[in-house]
Amino acid sequence: MGRDGNTEGPAAPAVRIEGLWKRFGEQVAVAGIDLEIPAGQFIGLVGPNGAGKTTTLSMVTGLLRPDSGRVEIGGTDVWQDPAAVKARIGVLPEGLRMFERLSGRELLTYMGRLRGLSGDDVDRRATQLLDVLDLATSQHKLVIDYSTGMRKKIGLAAALLHNPEVLFLDEPFEGVDPVSAQTIRTVLERYTASGATVVFSSHVMELVESLCSWVAVLAGGRIRAHGTLAEVRGDAPTLQEAFLELVGVRTTADDSLDWLGGGVR
């Protein structure tokens, strides 16, 4: 069932990507991606470092213009009507830069008003998010004094404040302590249970396997596999092993580092 309660017909994809390319000089970062991401699920975009995950998400969310190709979110072209699309999505980019001289509460108030929410709605939603994300006791503390985990959580709160249809997260658990990670995970699972879609990038296969129902594997700027977790995993016992095979990583040891582990001289 969708967020509007409509059960008729197959759900349209949350995101449709067609022929997406991006080059930086001679370097091809994204090489012709075609992908349809289903709605109402927890989606993992996985790949090794340098695979093109951040570049892809930046183009999909309207932060970086592609060299060619098109992206639709909820049937609306990202680059033909960017304002309409950005009103329907939430984004937590990697290395998020925030207004650090505001407190956590002030940051949410500012972002909510920018989104067109009323003062009462902003206050109510901010209070709930600060409480659920365990930031209530730090809400009047300046963001510049927040830890990495607290920054991730206040960034997530800002991305969720306007109740987006699709939430894009770039490495949301990177550098986050286990307690904060569990808090973020609980909030995201509750969010997808309402029919919303979460798309997050990661290179930690165990995390993706425990959270996601649908996965796309990206390497060398290309999609190597996509589908349900079971489809991508195939006959491999874990997603990690399937992933290593898909991206062509050598897993057998050799003797090129035979000098390691020789004990103290």
Protein backbone atom coordinates (compact mmCIF):
# COMPACT_ATOMS: atom_id res chain seq x y z
CA MET A 1 0.00 0.00 0.00
CA GLY A 2 1.31 3.47 -0.88
CA ARG A 3 1.43 6.42 1.48
CA ASP A 4 -1.89 7.62 0.08
CA GLY A 5 -3.54 4.25 0.81
CA ASN A 6 -4.04 3.42 -2.89
CA THR A 7 -3.76 -0.33 -3.58
CA GLU A 8 -4.72 -0.33 -7.27
CA GLY A 9 -2.20 -1.40 -9.89
CA PRO A 10 1.56 -1.85 -9.67
CA ALA A 11 3.47 0.91 -7.97
CA ALA A 12 5.42 3.25 -10.22
CA PRO A 13 9.17 3.35 -9.56
CA ALA A 14 10.31 5.87 -6.99
CA VAL A 15 13.29 6.76 -9.19
CA ARG A 16 13.88 6.15 -12.90
CA ILE A 17 17.40 6.70 -14.28
CA GLU A 18 18.09 6.58 -18.01
CA GLY A 19 21.47 6.81 -19.74
CA LEU A 20 23.20 8.74 -16.94
CA TRP A 21 26.79 9.81 -17.70
CA LYS A 22 29.28 12.01 -15.88
CA ARG A 23 32.93 12.72 -16.67
CA PHE A 24 35.48 14.77 -14.78
CA GLY A 25 38.12 15.57 -17.37
CA GLU A 26 39.34 12.24 -18.73
CA GLN A 27 37.87 10.33 -15.79
CA VAL A 28 34.50 8.67 -16.38
CA ALA A 29 32.74 8.61 -13.02
CA VAL A 30 29.34 7.32 -14.18
CA ALA A 31 29.13 5.41 -17.43
CA GLY A 32 25.59 5.18 -18.76
CA ILE A 33 23.45 4.02 -15.84
CA ASP A 34 19.92 2.73 -16.47
CA LEU A 35 18.00 1.83 -13.33
CA GLU A 36 14.47 1.77 -11.92
CA ILE A 37 14.28 1.91 -8.13
CA PRO A 38 11.06 0.52 -6.60
CA ALA A 39 8.97 2.60 -4.24
CA GLY A 40 8.26 1.93 -0.60
CA GLN A 41 11.40 -0.06 0.16
CA PHE A 42 14.80 0.23 1.78
CA ILE A 43 17.20 0.45 -1.17
CA GLY A 44 20.95 -0.09 -1.00
CA LEU A 45 23.30 1.40 -3.57
CA VAL A 46 26.52 -0.46 -2.90
CA GLY A 47 29.99 -0.40 -4.36
CA PRO A 48 33.66 -0.03 -3.53
CA ASN A 49 35.25 3.36 -2.91
CA GLY A 50 35.41 5.27 -6.20
CA ALA A 51 32.57 3.26 -7.76
CA GLY A 52 30.52 6.39 -8.55
CA LYS A 53 27.95 6.14 -5.74
CA THR A 54 28.24 9.74 -4.52
CA THR A 55 28.34 11.12 -8.07
CA THR A 56 25.23 9.13 -8.98
CA LEU A 57 23.29 10.27 -5.93
CA SER A 58 24.38 13.87 -6.51
CA MET A 59 22.98 13.77 -10.05
CA VAL A 60 19.80 11.96 -9.01
CA THR A 61 19.04 14.56 -6.33
CA GLY A 62 19.76 17.59 -8.52
CA LEU A 63 23.01 18.59 -6.83
CA LEU A 64 25.21 17.83 -9.86
CA ARG A 65 24.21 18.20 -13.51
CA PRO A 66 24.87 15.08 -15.61
CA ASP A 67 26.67 15.22 -18.95
CA SER A 68 23.79 13.26 -20.45
CA GLY A 69 20.82 11.18 -19.41
CA ARG A 70 17.71 11.89 -17.39
CA VAL A 71 16.32 11.20 -13.94
CA GLU A 72 12.70 11.08 -12.82
CA ILE A 73 11.55 11.00 -9.21
CA GLY A 74 7.89 10.18 -8.76
CA GLY A 75 7.41 10.72 -12.50
CA THR A 76 8.87 14.25 -12.48
CA ASP A 77 12.06 15.09 -14.35
CA VAL A 78 14.74 16.26 -11.92
CA TRP A 79 16.29 18.75 -14.30
CA GLN A 80 13.13 20.03 -16.01
CA ASP A 81 11.32 20.80 -12.75
CA PRO A 82 13.95 20.80 -10.00
CA ALA A 83 11.88 22.81 -7.51
CA ALA A 84 9.01 20.32 -7.64
CA VAL A 85 11.36 17.36 -7.20
CA LYS A 86 13.32 18.90 -4.32
CA ALA A 87 10.06 19.57 -2.48
CA ARG A 88 9.39 15.81 -2.54
CA ILE A 89 12.80 14.48 -1.50
CA GLY A 90 15.11 14.62 1.49
CA VAL A 91 18.88 14.46 1.14
CA LEU A 92 21.66 13.70 3.60
CA PRO A 93 24.87 14.01 1.55
CA GLU A 94 28.25 12.74 2.64
CA GLY A 95 30.32 15.47 4.33
CA LEU A 96 27.19 17.53 4.94
CA ARG A 97 27.90 21.21 5.52
CA MET A 98 25.50 22.88 7.90
CA PHE A 99 25.04 26.28 9.47
CA GLU A 100 27.33 25.48 12.39
CA ARG A 101 26.70 28.67 14.34
CA LEU A 102 23.06 27.73 14.82
CA SER A 103 21.87 25.40 17.52
CA GLY A 104 20.26 22.11 16.54
CA ARG A 105 16.80 23.54 17.23
CA GLU A 106 17.54 26.74 15.30
CA LEU A 107 18.83 24.72 12.33
CA LEU A 108 15.61 22.70 12.13
CA THR A 109 13.51 25.86 12.49
CA TYR A 110 15.44 27.54 9.69
CA MET A 111 15.23 24.51 7.37
CA GLY A 112 11.54 24.01 8.09
CA ARG A 113 10.65 27.60 7.27
CA LEU A 114 12.71 27.38 4.08
CA ARG A 115 10.57 24.35 3.17
CA GLY A 116 7.43 26.45 3.63
CA LEU A 117 6.21 24.83 6.84
CA SER A 118 4.28 26.94 9.33
CA GLY A 119 5.94 27.92 12.57
CA ASP A 120 3.65 25.62 14.56
CA ASP A 121 4.37 22.64 12.28
CA VAL A 122 8.10 23.25 12.45
CA ASP A 123 8.04 23.47 16.26
CA ARG A 124 5.96 20.30 16.61
CA ARG A 125 7.96 18.23 14.12
CA ALA A 126 11.33 19.49 15.35
CA THR A 127 10.43 18.62 18.94
CA GLN A 128 9.40 15.10 17.92
CA LEU A 129 12.50 14.51 15.79
CA LEU A 130 14.87 15.86 18.42
CA ASP A 131 13.28 13.56 20.97
CA VAL A 132 13.26 10.42 18.80
CA LEU A 133 16.84 11.00 17.63
CA ASP A 134 18.04 11.53 21.21
CA LEU A 135 19.04 15.15 20.59
CA ALA A 136 16.60 16.86 22.94
CA THR A 137 19.23 17.55 25.60
CA SER A 138 21.57 19.02 22.94
CA GLN A 139 19.01 21.03 20.98
CA HIS A 140 20.33 24.39 22.21
CA LYS A 141 23.96 23.46 21.67
CA LEU A 142 25.71 24.89 18.59
CA VAL A 143 26.05 22.44 15.71
CA ILE A 144 29.78 23.21 15.52
CA ASP A 145 30.11 21.47 18.89
CA TYR A 146 28.20 18.36 17.79
CA SER A 147 29.97 15.01 17.45
CA THR A 148 29.96 13.13 14.12
CA GLY A 149 27.02 11.01 15.22
CA MET A 150 25.06 14.05 16.40
CA ARG A 151 25.72 15.80 13.08
CA LYS A 152 24.40 12.79 11.18
CA LYS A 153 21.28 12.75 13.34
CA ILE A 154 20.54 16.48 13.06
CA GLY A 155 21.16 16.22 9.30
CA LEU A 156 18.70 13.34 9.13
CA ALA A 157 16.18 15.36 11.14
CA ALA A 158 16.51 18.25 8.68
CA ALA A 159 16.05 15.85 5.73
CA LEU A 160 12.91 14.31 7.27
CA LEU A 161 11.31 17.51 8.56
CA HIS A 162 9.09 18.09 5.50
CA ASN A 163 8.06 14.39 5.30
CA PRO A 164 9.59 13.62 1.88
CA GLU A 165 8.46 10.80 -0.40
CA VAL A 166 12.02 9.64 -1.08
CA LEU A 167 15.00 10.01 1.24
CA PHE A 168 18.55 9.84 -0.15
CA LEU A 169 21.39 9.12 2.25
CA ASP A 170 25.06 8.99 1.30
CA GLU A 171 26.99 6.81 3.77
CA PRO A 172 24.63 7.69 6.65
CA PHE A 173 26.35 5.33 9.12
CA GLU A 174 29.94 6.31 8.32
CA GLY A 175 31.76 7.36 11.49
CA VAL A 176 28.68 6.88 13.66
CA ASP A 177 28.86 5.13 17.02
CA PRO A 178 26.71 1.98 17.54
CA VAL A 179 24.13 3.74 19.72
CA SER A 180 23.57 6.55 17.21
CA ALA A 181 23.55 4.02 14.36
CA GLN A 182 20.78 2.04 16.03
CA THR A 183 18.77 5.22 16.61
CA ILE A 184 19.10 6.22 12.95
CA ARG A 185 18.20 2.71 11.85
CA THR A 186 15.04 2.65 13.98
CA VAL A 187 13.85 5.98 12.56
CA LEU A 188 14.49 4.87 8.97
CA GLU A 189 12.69 1.56 9.43
CA ARG A 190 9.68 3.42 10.83
CA TYR A 191 9.81 5.84 7.88
CA THR A 192 9.82 3.08 5.22
CA ALA A 193 7.03 1.23 7.04
CA SER A 194 4.80 4.22 6.17
CA GLY A 195 5.32 3.58 2.45
CA ALA A 196 8.21 5.99 1.89
CA THR A 197 11.42 5.07 0.08
CA VAL A 198 14.96 5.22 1.45
CA VAL A 199 17.93 5.06 -0.93
CA PHE A 200 21.28 4.89 0.81
CA SER A 201 24.82 4.26 -0.37
CA SER A 202 27.29 2.12 1.49
CA HIS A 203 30.29 -0.14 1.08
CA VAL A 204 29.49 -2.12 4.23
CA MET A 205 27.74 -5.24 2.94
CA GLU A 206 26.71 -6.58 6.35
CA LEU A 207 24.78 -3.37 7.04
CA VAL A 208 23.08 -3.42 3.64
CA GLU A 209 22.16 -7.09 4.03
CA SER A 210 20.54 -6.45 7.42
CA LEU A 211 18.57 -3.39 6.28
CA CYS A 212 17.74 -3.54 2.59
CA SER A 213 15.15 -5.45 0.60
CA TRP A 214 16.48 -4.26 -2.79
CA VAL A 215 20.05 -3.62 -3.90
CA ALA A 216 21.98 -2.17 -6.84
CA VAL A 217 25.69 -2.95 -7.16
CA LEU A 218 27.81 -0.22 -8.73
CA ALA A 219 31.44 -0.57 -9.83
CA GLY A 220 33.48 1.42 -12.30
CA GLY A 221 30.56 3.77 -12.88
CA ARG A 222 28.29 0.95 -14.10
CA ILE A 223 25.50 -1.12 -12.60
CA ARG A 224 26.75 -4.70 -12.23
CA ALA A 225 23.58 -6.15 -10.71
CA HIS A 226 20.27 -5.03 -9.27
CA GLY A 227 17.16 -6.58 -7.78
CA THR A 228 15.93 -8.01 -4.54
CA LEU A 229 18.51 -8.97 -1.98
CA ALA A 230 17.98 -12.65 -2.79
CA GLU A 231 18.35 -12.05 -6.54
CA VAL A 232 21.61 -10.15 -6.18
CA ARG A 233 23.02 -12.58 -3.64
CA GLY A 234 22.17 -15.56 -5.85
CA ASP A 235 23.88 -18.76 -4.73
CA ALA A 236 26.45 -16.92 -2.61
CA PRO A 237 26.07 -17.43 1.15
CA THR A 238 26.36 -13.70 1.85
CA LEU A 239 25.98 -10.42 0.00
CA GLN A 240 29.65 -9.72 0.71
CA GLU A 241 30.76 -12.76 -1.29
CA ALA A 242 28.34 -12.02 -4.12
CA PHE A 243 29.55 -8.42 -4.17
CA LEU A 244 33.23 -9.39 -4.38
CA GLU A 245 32.48 -11.68 -7.30
CA LEU A 246 30.39 -9.05 -9.10
CA VAL A 247 33.07 -6.36 -8.86
CA GLY A 248 35.87 -8.77 -9.74
CA VAL A 249 37.89 -8.49 -6.53
CA ARG A 250 40.64 -11.03 -6.03
CA THR A 251 40.16 -12.74 -2.69
CA THR A 252 42.96 -15.29 -2.76
CA ALA A 253 46.12 -14.45 -0.85
CA ASP A 254 49.50 -14.25 -2.53
CA ASP A 255 53.07 -14.04 -1.28
CA SER A 256 53.76 -10.46 -2.37
CA LEU A 257 53.67 -9.38 1.29
CA ASP A 258 55.62 -12.32 2.64
CA TRP A 259 57.70 -9.91 4.74
CA LEU A 260 54.69 -9.04 6.94
CA GLY A 261 54.16 -10.84 10.22
CA GLY A 262 57.76 -11.94 10.66
CA GLY A 263 57.88 -10.89 14.28
CA VAL A 264 59.94 -8.20 16.00
CA ARG A 265 63.50 -7.87 14.79
